[in-house]
Amino acid sequence: DKAVGCTTMPILFGVVAAKNIAISVGLLLLLSLGGWLIFQWPMQSLPNKLFILLGLILPLMISLMRLFRARSVVDFRTVSQAIKLLMVNGLIYLFVLRTLIPS
């Protein structure tokens, strides 16, 4: 990032601070998804519950654990790819949710 002139969090605050911020945001997202799942549990169908658990919460937990242990550039690249996959899962979930629940 520094070589091409990007102003990213690791450049501005350092790798450790950026990692701690990312872990904090990830934990907040994990708590939000978990809380939403718990409060909506009676109203959701089984496929909906499974997708949230297996497609969003589980990959997020694995990504957070990998981020916590990340030390090298390769580790951070792996976490980055996992987060991108998680974002695709979220978009797929939104598409599925829209098709299952008519407006």
Protein backbone atom coordinates (compact mmCIF):
# COMPACT_ATOMS: atom_id res chain seq x y z
CA ASP A 1 0.00 0.00 0.00
CA LYS A 2 2.75 2.39 0.94
CA ALA A 3 4.63 1.76 -2.32
CA VAL A 4 1.67 2.87 -4.45
CA GLY A 5 0.65 5.75 -2.19
CA CYS A 6 -2.52 4.28 -0.67
CA THR A 7 -3.66 5.66 2.66
CA THR A 8 -4.99 2.58 4.44
CA MET A 9 -5.49 1.86 8.14
CA PRO A 10 -2.26 -0.14 8.48
CA ILE A 11 -0.33 2.76 6.93
CA LEU A 12 -2.02 5.38 9.12
CA PHE A 13 -2.22 3.54 12.46
CA GLY A 14 0.14 0.57 12.11
CA VAL A 15 -0.54 -3.11 11.54
CA VAL A 16 -1.30 -3.97 15.17
CA ALA A 17 -3.84 -1.16 15.58
CA ALA A 18 -5.51 -1.97 12.23
CA LYS A 19 -5.69 -5.64 13.21
CA ASN A 20 -7.29 -4.75 16.56
CA ILE A 21 -9.83 -2.47 14.85
CA ALA A 22 -10.70 -5.21 12.34
CA ILE A 23 -11.11 -7.78 15.13
CA SER A 24 -13.35 -5.36 17.06
CA VAL A 25 -15.55 -4.68 14.04
CA GLY A 26 -15.72 -8.41 13.29
CA LEU A 27 -16.76 -9.21 16.85
CA LEU A 28 -19.42 -6.51 16.69
CA LEU A 29 -20.73 -8.03 13.46
CA LEU A 30 -20.65 -11.50 15.00
CA LEU A 31 -22.60 -10.32 18.05
CA SER A 32 -25.11 -8.53 15.80
CA LEU A 33 -25.69 -11.61 13.64
CA GLY A 34 -25.94 -13.84 16.71
CA GLY A 35 -28.38 -11.52 18.44
CA TRP A 36 -30.51 -11.18 15.34
CA LEU A 37 -30.56 -14.95 14.90
CA ILE A 38 -31.55 -15.53 18.54
CA PHE A 39 -34.35 -12.95 18.56
CA GLN A 40 -35.70 -14.03 15.16
CA TRP A 41 -35.31 -17.78 15.80
CA PRO A 42 -39.04 -18.65 16.11
CA MET A 43 -39.96 -16.76 12.94
CA GLN A 44 -37.27 -18.16 10.63
CA SER A 45 -37.38 -21.25 8.48
CA LEU A 46 -34.78 -24.01 8.88
CA PRO A 47 -32.96 -23.20 5.60
CA ASN A 48 -32.75 -19.55 6.67
CA LYS A 49 -31.30 -20.50 10.07
CA LEU A 50 -28.80 -22.90 8.50
CA PHE A 51 -27.60 -20.33 5.95
CA ILE A 52 -27.07 -17.73 8.65
CA LEU A 53 -25.20 -20.20 10.85
CA LEU A 54 -23.16 -22.00 8.19
CA GLY A 55 -22.86 -19.28 5.56
CA LEU A 56 -22.31 -16.20 7.71
CA ILE A 57 -21.57 -16.85 11.39
CA LEU A 58 -19.26 -19.87 11.02
CA PRO A 59 -17.06 -18.31 8.28
CA LEU A 60 -16.92 -15.06 10.27
CA MET A 61 -15.77 -16.91 13.38
CA ILE A 62 -13.09 -18.77 11.41
CA SER A 63 -11.94 -15.52 9.78
CA LEU A 64 -11.70 -13.79 13.15
CA MET A 65 -9.65 -16.65 14.59
CA ARG A 66 -7.31 -16.54 11.59
CA LEU A 67 -7.04 -12.77 11.85
CA PHE A 68 -6.20 -13.03 15.54
CA ARG A 69 -3.34 -15.46 14.71
CA ALA A 70 -2.18 -13.62 11.56
CA ARG A 71 1.46 -12.58 11.58
CA SER A 72 2.70 -12.65 7.99
CA VAL A 73 1.58 -11.14 4.70
CA VAL A 74 0.37 -14.57 3.59
CA ASP A 75 -1.79 -14.87 6.73
CA PHE A 76 -3.39 -11.49 6.11
CA ARG A 77 -3.96 -12.33 2.44
CA THR A 78 -5.74 -15.55 3.47
CA VAL A 79 -7.95 -13.64 5.90
CA SER A 80 -8.69 -11.08 3.18
CA GLN A 81 -9.83 -13.80 0.78
CA ALA A 82 -12.01 -15.38 3.49
CA ILE A 83 -13.66 -12.02 4.24
CA LYS A 84 -14.36 -11.52 0.54
CA LEU A 85 -16.01 -14.94 0.43
CA LEU A 86 -18.03 -13.96 3.49
CA MET A 87 -19.21 -10.80 1.70
CA VAL A 88 -20.30 -12.88 -1.30
CA ASN A 89 -22.21 -15.17 1.07
CA GLY A 90 -23.94 -12.10 2.52
CA LEU A 91 -24.96 -10.91 -0.94
CA ILE A 92 -26.24 -14.38 -1.82
CA TYR A 93 -28.22 -14.39 1.42
CA LEU A 94 -29.79 -11.03 0.53
CA PHE A 95 -30.77 -12.36 -2.90
CA VAL A 96 -32.24 -15.54 -1.40
CA LEU A 97 -34.03 -13.57 1.31
CA ARG A 98 -35.58 -11.26 -1.30
CA THR A 99 -36.83 -14.19 -3.38
CA LEU A 100 -38.24 -16.04 -0.36
CA ILE A 101 -40.04 -13.06 1.16
CA PRO A 102 -42.29 -11.22 -1.32
CA SER A 103 -42.49 -7.44 -0.99
